[in-house]
Amino acid sequence: MLKAAGTDISHWFEAKTGQPRAELDEALNLPVPYAPQGRYLHLPPNGPAAKWDNDFGLPWWMDPSRCIGLLSAKTRYIRITNTLTGQEDVLEVCAEETLAEILERYVDFNAHASSYTWKRLGRVLDMDLTLEENGIDDEEEVYYDLSLPDSYYYPAIYLYFNDDLTEA
């Protein structure tokens, strides 16, 4: 597990069940858990083993308290422009993130981000919706088909300051 630290190991597990994938052990002629870097915590041994202690309860891969993140189906870039200062920042965001979640990360760039109205093409955006739900389509494939680089166009979101007297 240490060799895989900080990397995506979702391919070690069945997508539908969340259980470890199985592979055929040719020596035993039995399905055994897929462990490309050797056995890991809570993984049963390849064959019968009287000494294997399985009273640990829920294996770590099924325990929601051990989940440290989710794999995004798709990420994309957006450009956030502060109309008061002219500052522009490009953020990589997950397709599943709502604008409220994006705002939480944008606070690192602007501590007063919640004091702004977020707009796209003159329309106020719903902070409880994702980019797609707000009508900000992912046009990456269009640009790919036109042989344009990914960085050619990032959808812009404009921030308009509200004088609400908040403190950072």
N, C-alpha and C. Protein backbone atom coordinates (compact mmCIF):
# COMPACT_ATOMS: atom_id res chain seq x y z
N MET A 1 0.81 -1.19 0.00
CA MET A 1 0.00 0.00 0.00
C MET A 1 0.86 1.27 0.00
N LEU A 2 2.01 1.23 0.64
CA LEU A 2 2.86 2.42 0.69
C LEU A 2 3.33 2.82 -0.70
N LYS A 3 3.58 1.84 -1.57
CA LYS A 3 4.01 2.16 -2.93
C LYS A 3 2.93 2.92 -3.69
N ALA A 4 1.68 2.69 -3.32
CA ALA A 4 0.56 3.32 -4.03
C ALA A 4 0.07 4.59 -3.34
N ALA A 5 0.73 5.00 -2.27
CA ALA A 5 0.28 6.19 -1.53
C ALA A 5 0.17 7.40 -2.44
N GLY A 6 -0.97 8.09 -2.35
CA GLY A 6 -1.18 9.30 -3.13
C GLY A 6 -1.59 9.05 -4.57
N THR A 7 -1.81 7.79 -4.93
CA THR A 7 -2.21 7.48 -6.31
C THR A 7 -3.62 6.90 -6.32
N ASP A 8 -4.18 6.80 -7.48
CA ASP A 8 -5.52 6.24 -7.67
C ASP A 8 -5.41 4.72 -7.70
N ILE A 9 -6.09 4.05 -6.78
CA ILE A 9 -6.08 2.58 -6.76
C ILE A 9 -7.47 2.02 -7.05
N SER A 10 -8.33 2.83 -7.63
CA SER A 10 -9.69 2.37 -7.90
C SER A 10 -9.72 1.16 -8.83
N HIS A 11 -8.70 1.00 -9.67
CA HIS A 11 -8.66 -0.16 -10.58
C HIS A 11 -8.39 -1.47 -9.84
N TRP A 12 -8.08 -1.42 -8.55
CA TRP A 12 -7.90 -2.63 -7.76
C TRP A 12 -9.25 -3.21 -7.34
N PHE A 13 -10.33 -2.45 -7.54
CA PHE A 13 -11.65 -2.85 -7.03
C PHE A 13 -12.69 -2.92 -8.14
N GLU A 14 -13.70 -3.77 -7.92
CA GLU A 14 -14.82 -3.87 -8.85
C GLU A 14 -15.64 -2.59 -8.78
N ALA A 15 -15.97 -2.03 -9.91
CA ALA A 15 -16.70 -0.76 -9.94
C ALA A 15 -18.10 -0.89 -9.33
N LYS A 16 -18.78 -1.99 -9.60
CA LYS A 16 -20.17 -2.15 -9.12
C LYS A 16 -20.26 -2.52 -7.65
N THR A 17 -19.37 -3.41 -7.18
CA THR A 17 -19.49 -3.92 -5.81
C THR A 17 -18.57 -3.23 -4.82
N GLY A 18 -17.49 -2.66 -5.30
CA GLY A 18 -16.53 -2.04 -4.40
C GLY A 18 -15.59 -3.04 -3.76
N GLN A 19 -15.75 -4.31 -4.09
CA GLN A 19 -14.90 -5.36 -3.53
C GLN A 19 -13.61 -5.49 -4.36
N PRO A 20 -12.56 -6.05 -3.74
CA PRO A 20 -11.32 -6.23 -4.51
C PRO A 20 -11.57 -7.09 -5.76
N ARG A 21 -10.94 -6.70 -6.86
CA ARG A 21 -11.04 -7.48 -8.09
C ARG A 21 -10.40 -8.85 -7.88
N ALA A 22 -10.82 -9.79 -8.66
CA ALA A 22 -10.26 -11.13 -8.57
C ALA A 22 -9.50 -11.44 -9.86
N GLU A 23 -8.49 -12.29 -9.72
CA GLU A 23 -7.75 -12.79 -10.87
C GLU A 23 -7.55 -14.28 -10.66
N LEU A 24 -7.29 -15.00 -11.70
CA LEU A 24 -7.11 -16.44 -11.60
C LEU A 24 -5.66 -16.76 -11.25
N ASP A 25 -5.49 -17.47 -10.13
CA ASP A 25 -4.16 -17.96 -9.75
C ASP A 25 -3.96 -19.29 -10.48
N GLU A 26 -3.03 -19.28 -11.42
CA GLU A 26 -2.84 -20.47 -12.25
C GLU A 26 -2.31 -21.66 -11.46
N ALA A 27 -1.56 -21.44 -10.40
CA ALA A 27 -1.03 -22.53 -9.58
C ALA A 27 -2.15 -23.19 -8.78
N LEU A 28 -3.04 -22.39 -8.20
CA LEU A 28 -4.15 -22.92 -7.41
C LEU A 28 -5.37 -23.22 -8.25
N ASN A 29 -5.43 -22.63 -9.44
CA ASN A 29 -6.60 -22.72 -10.32
C ASN A 29 -7.85 -22.21 -9.59
N LEU A 30 -7.66 -21.13 -8.85
CA LEU A 30 -8.74 -20.50 -8.09
C LEU A 30 -8.70 -18.99 -8.29
N PRO A 31 -9.86 -18.34 -8.18
CA PRO A 31 -9.81 -16.87 -8.19
C PRO A 31 -9.23 -16.37 -6.87
N VAL A 32 -8.32 -15.42 -6.97
CA VAL A 32 -7.70 -14.82 -5.78
C VAL A 32 -7.82 -13.30 -5.90
N PRO A 33 -7.78 -12.59 -4.77
CA PRO A 33 -7.86 -11.13 -4.84
C PRO A 33 -6.70 -10.53 -5.65
N TYR A 34 -7.04 -9.54 -6.46
CA TYR A 34 -6.04 -8.83 -7.26
C TYR A 34 -5.25 -7.91 -6.34
N ALA A 35 -3.97 -8.13 -6.26
CA ALA A 35 -3.09 -7.31 -5.40
C ALA A 35 -1.78 -7.09 -6.14
N PRO A 36 -1.73 -6.10 -7.04
CA PRO A 36 -0.57 -5.90 -7.90
C PRO A 36 0.73 -5.60 -7.14
N GLN A 37 0.60 -5.12 -5.90
CA GLN A 37 1.80 -4.80 -5.12
C GLN A 37 1.87 -5.64 -3.85
N GLY A 38 1.25 -6.80 -3.88
CA GLY A 38 1.24 -7.69 -2.72
C GLY A 38 0.00 -7.47 -1.86
N ARG A 39 -0.19 -8.40 -0.92
CA ARG A 39 -1.37 -8.31 -0.04
C ARG A 39 -1.36 -7.00 0.74
N TYR A 40 -2.55 -6.47 0.96
CA TYR A 40 -2.69 -5.25 1.74
C TYR A 40 -3.68 -5.49 2.88
N LEU A 41 -3.80 -4.53 3.76
CA LEU A 41 -4.61 -4.62 4.96
C LEU A 41 -6.01 -5.16 4.67
N HIS A 42 -6.44 -6.14 5.45
CA HIS A 42 -7.76 -6.77 5.40
C HIS A 42 -7.98 -7.66 4.18
N LEU A 43 -7.01 -7.82 3.33
CA LEU A 43 -7.15 -8.67 2.16
C LEU A 43 -6.89 -10.11 2.57
N PRO A 44 -7.81 -11.04 2.27
CA PRO A 44 -7.59 -12.44 2.68
C PRO A 44 -6.43 -13.06 1.90
N PRO A 45 -5.82 -14.07 2.48
CA PRO A 45 -4.74 -14.76 1.77
C PRO A 45 -5.30 -15.52 0.56
N ASN A 46 -4.42 -15.95 -0.33
CA ASN A 46 -4.84 -16.60 -1.57
C ASN A 46 -5.46 -17.98 -1.35
N GLY A 47 -5.10 -18.64 -0.31
CA GLY A 47 -5.66 -19.98 -0.06
C GLY A 47 -6.17 -20.07 1.37
N PRO A 48 -6.65 -21.24 1.76
CA PRO A 48 -7.11 -21.41 3.15
C PRO A 48 -5.96 -21.15 4.11
N ALA A 49 -6.27 -20.42 5.18
CA ALA A 49 -5.24 -20.09 6.17
C ALA A 49 -5.88 -20.02 7.54
N ALA A 50 -5.52 -20.96 8.40
CA ALA A 50 -6.09 -21.02 9.75
C ALA A 50 -5.62 -19.85 10.61
N LYS A 51 -4.47 -19.27 10.29
CA LYS A 51 -3.91 -18.20 11.12
C LYS A 51 -4.38 -16.80 10.71
N TRP A 52 -5.18 -16.71 9.67
CA TRP A 52 -5.63 -15.39 9.22
C TRP A 52 -6.73 -14.88 10.15
N ASP A 53 -6.50 -13.76 10.79
CA ASP A 53 -7.45 -13.16 11.73
C ASP A 53 -8.39 -12.23 10.97
N ASN A 54 -9.66 -12.61 10.92
CA ASN A 54 -10.61 -11.79 10.17
C ASN A 54 -11.68 -11.16 11.07
N ASP A 55 -11.33 -10.91 12.33
CA ASP A 55 -12.29 -10.29 13.24
C ASP A 55 -12.14 -8.77 13.30
N PHE A 56 -11.68 -8.17 12.22
CA PHE A 56 -11.46 -6.73 12.16
C PHE A 56 -12.73 -5.95 11.87
N GLY A 57 -13.83 -6.65 11.58
CA GLY A 57 -15.08 -5.96 11.27
C GLY A 57 -15.16 -5.63 9.80
N LEU A 58 -15.49 -4.41 9.52
CA LEU A 58 -15.64 -3.94 8.15
C LEU A 58 -14.27 -3.71 7.52
N PRO A 59 -13.99 -4.27 6.33
CA PRO A 59 -12.70 -3.99 5.70
C PRO A 59 -12.59 -2.51 5.35
N TRP A 60 -11.38 -2.00 5.30
CA TRP A 60 -11.18 -0.55 5.12
C TRP A 60 -11.82 -0.03 3.84
N TRP A 61 -11.86 -0.82 2.78
CA TRP A 61 -12.41 -0.33 1.52
C TRP A 61 -13.93 -0.21 1.53
N MET A 62 -14.58 -0.76 2.56
CA MET A 62 -16.03 -0.63 2.70
C MET A 62 -16.42 0.33 3.83
N ASP A 63 -15.45 0.84 4.55
CA ASP A 63 -15.69 1.72 5.71
C ASP A 63 -15.72 3.18 5.26
N PRO A 64 -16.91 3.81 5.27
CA PRO A 64 -17.00 5.20 4.79
C PRO A 64 -16.14 6.18 5.59
N SER A 65 -15.84 5.87 6.84
CA SER A 65 -15.02 6.79 7.64
C SER A 65 -13.57 6.83 7.14
N ARG A 66 -13.17 5.87 6.34
CA ARG A 66 -11.81 5.84 5.80
C ARG A 66 -11.72 6.42 4.39
N CYS A 67 -12.83 6.88 3.86
CA CYS A 67 -12.83 7.49 2.53
C CYS A 67 -12.20 8.87 2.63
N ILE A 68 -11.17 9.11 1.82
CA ILE A 68 -10.50 10.41 1.88
C ILE A 68 -10.78 11.26 0.65
N GLY A 69 -11.58 10.76 -0.25
CA GLY A 69 -11.91 11.53 -1.44
C GLY A 69 -12.62 10.67 -2.46
N LEU A 70 -13.20 11.32 -3.42
CA LEU A 70 -13.88 10.63 -4.50
C LEU A 70 -13.18 10.94 -5.81
N LEU A 71 -13.22 10.01 -6.70
CA LEU A 71 -12.64 10.21 -8.01
C LEU A 71 -13.66 10.91 -8.88
N SER A 72 -13.28 12.03 -9.45
CA SER A 72 -14.20 12.80 -10.29
C SER A 72 -14.37 12.11 -11.64
N ALA A 73 -15.58 12.17 -12.15
CA ALA A 73 -15.84 11.62 -13.48
C ALA A 73 -15.14 12.48 -14.54
N LYS A 74 -15.02 13.78 -14.27
CA LYS A 74 -14.45 14.71 -15.26
C LYS A 74 -14.01 15.98 -14.54
N THR A 75 -12.84 16.47 -14.90
CA THR A 75 -12.42 17.78 -14.40
C THR A 75 -12.36 18.74 -15.58
N ARG A 76 -12.43 20.01 -15.26
CA ARG A 76 -12.35 21.04 -16.30
C ARG A 76 -11.79 22.31 -15.67
N TYR A 77 -11.38 23.22 -16.53
CA TYR A 77 -10.83 24.49 -16.06
C TYR A 77 -11.86 25.60 -16.26
N ILE A 78 -11.85 26.55 -15.32
CA ILE A 78 -12.67 27.75 -15.46
C ILE A 78 -11.79 28.95 -15.13
N ARG A 79 -12.17 30.09 -15.66
CA ARG A 79 -11.48 31.35 -15.37
C ARG A 79 -12.42 32.19 -14.52
N ILE A 80 -11.95 32.60 -13.36
CA ILE A 80 -12.75 33.46 -12.47
C ILE A 80 -12.13 34.84 -12.51
N THR A 81 -12.96 35.83 -12.87
CA THR A 81 -12.48 37.21 -13.00
C THR A 81 -13.18 38.09 -11.98
N ASN A 82 -12.40 38.74 -11.15
CA ASN A 82 -12.90 39.71 -10.18
C ASN A 82 -13.05 41.05 -10.92
N THR A 83 -14.29 41.50 -11.11
CA THR A 83 -14.51 42.72 -11.89
C THR A 83 -14.07 43.97 -11.12
N LEU A 84 -13.95 43.88 -9.81
CA LEU A 84 -13.52 45.03 -9.01
C LEU A 84 -12.02 45.28 -9.17
N THR A 85 -11.23 44.19 -9.12
CA THR A 85 -9.78 44.34 -9.16
C THR A 85 -9.16 43.95 -10.50
N GLY A 86 -9.91 43.23 -11.33
CA GLY A 86 -9.38 42.74 -12.60
C GLY A 86 -8.56 41.48 -12.46
N GLN A 87 -8.44 40.96 -11.25
CA GLN A 87 -7.67 39.74 -11.02
C GLN A 87 -8.36 38.56 -11.69
N GLU A 88 -7.58 37.75 -12.41
CA GLU A 88 -8.09 36.53 -13.04
C GLU A 88 -7.36 35.34 -12.48
N ASP A 89 -8.12 34.30 -12.17
CA ASP A 89 -7.54 33.05 -11.68
C ASP A 89 -8.15 31.90 -12.45
N VAL A 90 -7.33 30.92 -12.79
CA VAL A 90 -7.80 29.72 -13.47
C VAL A 90 -7.79 28.59 -12.45
N LEU A 91 -8.93 27.92 -12.32
CA LEU A 91 -9.07 26.82 -11.38
C LEU A 91 -9.46 25.55 -12.12
N GLU A 92 -8.91 24.43 -11.68
CA GLU A 92 -9.37 23.13 -12.18
C GLU A 92 -10.44 22.66 -11.20
N VAL A 93 -11.61 22.35 -11.72
CA VAL A 93 -12.74 21.97 -10.87
C VAL A 93 -13.32 20.64 -11.34
N CYS A 94 -14.01 19.97 -10.45
CA CYS A 94 -14.67 18.71 -10.77
C CYS A 94 -16.05 19.01 -11.34
N ALA A 95 -16.47 18.20 -12.29
CA ALA A 95 -17.79 18.38 -12.91
C ALA A 95 -18.90 18.27 -11.87
N GLU A 96 -18.67 17.49 -10.80
CA GLU A 96 -19.69 17.26 -9.78
C GLU A 96 -19.78 18.38 -8.75
N GLU A 97 -18.80 19.27 -8.72
CA GLU A 97 -18.77 20.33 -7.71
C GLU A 97 -19.83 21.39 -7.98
N THR A 98 -20.48 21.83 -6.91
CA THR A 98 -21.38 22.97 -7.04
C THR A 98 -20.54 24.25 -7.00
N LEU A 99 -21.14 25.35 -7.40
CA LEU A 99 -20.41 26.62 -7.33
C LEU A 99 -20.09 26.98 -5.88
N ALA A 100 -20.94 26.57 -4.93
CA ALA A 100 -20.64 26.82 -3.52
C ALA A 100 -19.36 26.10 -3.10
N GLU A 101 -19.16 24.87 -3.60
CA GLU A 101 -17.94 24.13 -3.30
C GLU A 101 -16.73 24.76 -3.99
N ILE A 102 -16.92 25.25 -5.19
CA ILE A 102 -15.85 25.95 -5.90
C ILE A 102 -15.49 27.22 -5.14
N LEU A 103 -16.50 27.93 -4.64
CA LEU A 103 -16.27 29.15 -3.86
C LEU A 103 -15.40 28.85 -2.64
N GLU A 104 -15.66 27.72 -1.96
CA GLU A 104 -14.86 27.35 -0.78
C GLU A 104 -13.38 27.24 -1.12
N ARG A 105 -13.07 26.73 -2.30
CA ARG A 105 -11.67 26.62 -2.72
C ARG A 105 -11.14 27.96 -3.23
N TYR A 106 -12.02 28.78 -3.80
CA TYR A 106 -11.60 30.06 -4.34
C TYR A 106 -11.24 31.06 -3.23
N VAL A 107 -11.69 30.80 -2.02
CA VAL A 107 -11.37 31.67 -0.89
C VAL A 107 -9.85 31.78 -0.70
N ASP A 108 -9.10 30.78 -1.14
CA ASP A 108 -7.63 30.87 -1.08
C ASP A 108 -7.09 32.00 -1.94
N PHE A 109 -7.83 32.39 -2.99
CA PHE A 109 -7.42 33.47 -3.89
C PHE A 109 -8.03 34.81 -3.47
N ASN A 110 -9.21 34.75 -2.87
CA ASN A 110 -9.92 35.97 -2.48
C ASN A 110 -10.71 35.67 -1.21
N ALA A 111 -10.23 36.16 -0.08
CA ALA A 111 -10.84 35.87 1.21
C ALA A 111 -12.28 36.38 1.31
N HIS A 112 -12.66 37.35 0.48
CA HIS A 112 -14.02 37.90 0.49
C HIS A 112 -14.88 37.32 -0.62
N ALA A 113 -14.53 36.16 -1.14
CA ALA A 113 -15.24 35.59 -2.30
C ALA A 113 -16.75 35.46 -2.07
N SER A 114 -17.16 35.22 -0.84
CA SER A 114 -18.60 35.07 -0.57
C SER A 114 -19.32 36.42 -0.60
N SER A 115 -18.57 37.52 -0.68
CA SER A 115 -19.17 38.86 -0.76
C SER A 115 -19.39 39.29 -2.20
N TYR A 116 -19.29 38.37 -3.13
CA TYR A 116 -19.44 38.68 -4.55
C TYR A 116 -20.63 37.93 -5.12
N THR A 117 -21.25 38.54 -6.13
CA THR A 117 -22.27 37.86 -6.93
C THR A 117 -21.55 37.22 -8.10
N TRP A 118 -21.80 35.94 -8.33
CA TRP A 118 -21.14 35.19 -9.39
C TRP A 118 -22.06 35.20 -10.61
N LYS A 119 -21.52 35.65 -11.76
CA LYS A 119 -22.32 35.76 -12.97
C LYS A 119 -21.60 35.13 -14.16
N ARG A 120 -22.40 34.73 -15.13
CA ARG A 120 -21.89 34.22 -16.41
C ARG A 120 -22.79 34.79 -17.49
N LEU A 121 -22.22 35.49 -18.46
CA LEU A 121 -22.95 36.11 -19.55
C LEU A 121 -24.10 36.98 -19.03
N GLY A 122 -23.81 37.71 -17.95
CA GLY A 122 -24.77 38.65 -17.38
C GLY A 122 -25.85 38.02 -16.51
N ARG A 123 -25.83 36.72 -16.35
CA ARG A 123 -26.86 36.01 -15.58
C ARG A 123 -26.28 35.57 -14.23
N VAL A 124 -27.01 35.84 -13.14
CA VAL A 124 -26.59 35.41 -11.81
C VAL A 124 -26.63 33.88 -11.75
N LEU A 125 -25.56 33.29 -11.22
CA LEU A 125 -25.46 31.84 -11.14
C LEU A 125 -26.01 31.33 -9.81
N ASP A 126 -26.60 30.14 -9.85
CA ASP A 126 -27.12 29.49 -8.65
C ASP A 126 -25.98 28.73 -8.00
N MET A 127 -25.58 29.14 -6.81
CA MET A 127 -24.42 28.56 -6.14
C MET A 127 -24.65 27.12 -5.69
N ASP A 128 -25.89 26.67 -5.67
CA ASP A 128 -26.20 25.29 -5.26
C ASP A 128 -26.18 24.32 -6.43
N LEU A 129 -25.90 24.83 -7.63
CA LEU A 129 -25.87 23.99 -8.83
C LEU A 129 -24.45 23.84 -9.36
N THR A 130 -24.24 22.81 -10.17
CA THR A 130 -22.94 22.61 -10.81
C THR A 130 -22.82 23.56 -12.00
N LEU A 131 -21.65 23.56 -12.63
CA LEU A 131 -21.44 24.38 -13.82
C LEU A 131 -22.43 23.99 -14.92
N GLU A 132 -22.54 22.69 -15.21
CA GLU A 132 -23.46 22.21 -16.25
C GLU A 132 -24.90 22.62 -15.93
N GLU A 133 -25.30 22.45 -14.67
CA GLU A 133 -26.67 22.79 -14.27
C GLU A 133 -26.93 24.28 -14.39
N ASN A 134 -25.88 25.08 -14.33
CA ASN A 134 -25.98 26.53 -14.51
C ASN A 134 -25.87 26.93 -15.98
N GLY A 135 -25.82 25.95 -16.87
CA GLY A 135 -25.74 26.24 -18.30
C GLY A 135 -24.35 26.52 -18.82
N ILE A 136 -23.33 26.19 -18.03
CA ILE A 136 -21.94 26.38 -18.47
C ILE A 136 -21.45 25.03 -18.97
N ASP A 137 -21.65 24.81 -20.26
CA ASP A 137 -21.34 23.52 -20.86
C ASP A 137 -19.84 23.29 -20.96
N ASP A 138 -19.46 22.02 -20.90
CA ASP A 138 -18.07 21.64 -21.10
C ASP A 138 -17.86 21.47 -22.60
N GLU A 139 -17.11 22.37 -23.20
CA GLU A 139 -16.92 22.38 -24.65
C GLU A 139 -15.55 21.84 -25.05
N GLU A 140 -14.92 21.09 -24.16
CA GLU A 140 -13.57 20.58 -24.42
C GLU A 140 -13.53 19.74 -25.70
N GLU A 141 -14.53 18.88 -25.90
CA GLU A 141 -14.51 18.02 -27.10
C GLU A 141 -14.66 18.82 -28.38
N VAL A 142 -15.42 19.91 -28.34
CA VAL A 142 -15.55 20.77 -29.52
C VAL A 142 -14.19 21.33 -29.90
N TYR A 143 -13.46 21.82 -28.90
CA TYR A 143 -12.14 22.38 -29.16
C TYR A 143 -11.15 21.31 -29.58
N TYR A 144 -11.31 20.11 -29.03
CA TYR A 144 -10.46 18.99 -29.44
C TYR A 144 -10.71 18.66 -30.91
N ASP A 145 -11.97 18.59 -31.30
CA ASP A 145 -12.32 18.29 -32.70
C ASP A 145 -11.78 19.35 -33.66
N LEU A 146 -11.63 20.58 -33.17
CA LEU A 146 -11.09 21.67 -34.00
C LEU A 146 -9.56 21.77 -33.91
N SER A 147 -8.96 20.81 -33.20
CA SER A 147 -7.50 20.75 -33.00
C SER A 147 -6.96 21.99 -32.29
N LEU A 148 -7.76 22.54 -31.39
CA LEU A 148 -7.31 23.68 -30.59
C LEU A 148 -6.78 23.17 -29.26
N PRO A 149 -5.78 23.82 -28.68
CA PRO A 149 -5.25 23.37 -27.39
C PRO A 149 -6.28 23.55 -26.27
N ASP A 150 -6.15 22.71 -25.23
CA ASP A 150 -7.07 22.77 -24.09
C ASP A 150 -7.13 24.17 -23.49
N SER A 151 -6.00 24.85 -23.46
CA SER A 151 -5.93 26.15 -22.80
C SER A 151 -6.47 27.30 -23.67
N TYR A 152 -6.94 26.99 -24.87
CA TYR A 152 -7.42 28.04 -25.77
C TYR A 152 -8.61 28.78 -25.19
N TYR A 153 -9.49 28.05 -24.52
CA TYR A 153 -10.70 28.68 -23.99
C TYR A 153 -11.09 28.03 -22.67
N TYR A 154 -11.24 28.87 -21.65
CA TYR A 154 -11.80 28.44 -20.38
C TYR A 154 -13.04 29.30 -20.15
N PRO A 155 -14.18 28.69 -19.81
CA PRO A 155 -15.37 29.51 -19.55
C PRO A 155 -15.09 30.51 -18.41
N ALA A 156 -15.56 31.72 -18.59
CA ALA A 156 -15.30 32.78 -17.60
C ALA A 156 -16.51 32.98 -16.69
N ILE A 157 -16.22 33.12 -15.42
CA ILE A 157 -17.22 33.50 -14.42
C ILE A 157 -16.76 34.84 -13.87
N TYR A 158 -17.68 35.80 -13.83
CA TYR A 158 -17.34 37.14 -13.37
C TYR A 158 -17.91 37.37 -11.98
N LEU A 159 -17.07 37.92 -11.11
CA LEU A 159 -17.47 38.22 -9.74
C LEU A 159 -17.73 39.71 -9.60
N TYR A 160 -18.91 40.05 -9.10
CA TYR A 160 -19.31 41.45 -8.89
C TYR A 160 -19.43 41.67 -7.39
N PHE A 161 -18.71 42.67 -6.91
CA PHE A 161 -18.64 42.93 -5.47
C PHE A 161 -19.98 43.42 -4.92
N ASN A 162 -20.39 42.83 -3.78
CA ASN A 162 -21.55 43.29 -3.01
C ASN A 162 -20.99 43.97 -1.76
N ASP A 163 -21.38 45.18 -1.50
CA ASP A 163 -20.87 45.88 -0.32
C ASP A 163 -21.65 45.41 0.90
N ASP A 164 -21.28 44.24 1.43
CA ASP A 164 -22.01 43.68 2.56
C ASP A 164 -21.24 43.76 3.88
N LEU A 165 -20.10 44.43 3.87
CA LEU A 165 -19.31 44.70 5.07
C LEU A 165 -18.80 43.44 5.77
N THR A 166 -18.54 42.37 5.03
CA THR A 166 -18.00 41.18 5.66
C THR A 166 -16.52 41.37 5.92
N GLU A 167 -16.02 40.59 6.87
CA GLU A 167 -14.59 40.61 7.17
C GLU A 167 -14.02 39.25 6.85
N ALA A 168 -12.81 39.26 6.30
CA ALA A 168 -12.16 37.99 5.94
C ALA A 168 -11.69 37.25 7.17
